């Protein structure tokens, strides 16, 4: 069975960064001590390669999770 994240296409680069954004907000909701600064730095570093799908996923994740 093929999954979206295993195919080398736009969607494989989209959903993984979205999951990272969603996981950060899940951890914050659970009360974990996670750093906003480290989170933002990781998002910026992740945008260096294949920025379009990752930027769109980040924006979508921020809009739906905040």
Protein backbone atom coordinates (compact mmCIF):
# COMPACT_ATOMS: atom_id res chain seq x y z
CA UNK A 1 0.00 0.00 0.00
CA UNK A 2 1.41 3.39 -0.98
CA UNK A 3 1.06 6.24 1.45
CA UNK A 4 1.13 9.92 0.59
CA UNK A 5 4.32 10.52 2.55
CA UNK A 6 6.25 7.74 0.80
CA UNK A 7 5.81 8.98 -2.76
CA UNK A 8 8.39 11.55 -3.91
CA UNK A 9 5.98 14.30 -4.91
CA UNK A 10 4.50 17.58 -3.72
CA UNK A 11 2.28 15.95 -1.09
CA UNK A 12 5.12 14.02 0.50
CA UNK A 13 6.83 17.35 1.11
CA UNK A 14 3.58 18.90 2.33
CA UNK A 15 2.24 16.58 5.02
CA UNK A 16 5.43 15.97 6.99
CA UNK A 17 5.98 19.69 7.77
CA UNK A 18 2.28 20.01 8.57
CA UNK A 19 2.66 17.20 11.10
CA UNK A 20 5.59 19.02 12.68
CA UNK A 21 3.50 22.15 13.14
CA UNK A 22 0.56 20.18 14.48
CA UNK A 23 2.76 18.22 16.89
CA UNK A 24 4.22 21.41 18.36
CA UNK A 25 0.76 22.73 19.17
CA UNK A 26 -0.33 19.33 20.51
CA UNK A 27 2.64 19.34 22.88
CA UNK A 28 1.89 22.90 23.99
CA UNK A 29 -1.73 21.93 24.67
CA UNK A 30 -0.55 19.00 26.80
CA UNK A 31 1.59 21.37 28.85
CA UNK A 32 5.03 20.42 27.56
CA UNK A 33 7.79 22.98 27.95
CA UNK A 34 8.70 23.55 24.30
CA UNK A 35 10.50 26.64 23.09
CA UNK A 36 8.84 28.99 20.58
CA UNK A 37 12.27 30.21 19.51
CA UNK A 38 13.54 26.70 18.79
CA UNK A 39 10.27 25.91 17.00
CA UNK A 40 10.54 28.97 14.74
CA UNK A 41 14.22 28.29 14.04
CA UNK A 42 13.39 24.72 13.01
CA UNK A 43 10.63 25.95 10.69
CA UNK A 44 13.00 28.43 9.01
CA UNK A 45 15.71 25.80 8.57
CA UNK A 46 13.19 23.36 7.10
CA UNK A 47 12.17 25.94 4.48
CA UNK A 48 15.63 25.93 2.90
CA UNK A 49 14.86 22.89 0.74
CA UNK A 50 11.68 22.61 -1.31
CA UNK A 51 10.23 25.77 0.22
CA UNK A 52 6.87 25.96 -1.57
CA UNK A 53 5.18 22.84 -0.16
CA UNK A 54 6.80 23.32 3.23
CA UNK A 55 5.76 26.97 3.45
CA UNK A 56 2.19 26.13 2.47
CA UNK A 57 2.08 23.31 5.02
CA UNK A 58 3.47 25.57 7.73
CA UNK A 59 0.95 28.30 7.01
CA UNK A 60 -1.92 25.83 6.89
CA UNK A 61 -0.77 24.24 10.14
CA UNK A 62 -0.53 27.60 11.87
CA UNK A 63 -3.95 28.68 10.64
CA UNK A 64 -5.68 25.48 11.72
CA UNK A 65 -3.88 24.99 15.03
CA UNK A 66 -3.79 28.47 16.57
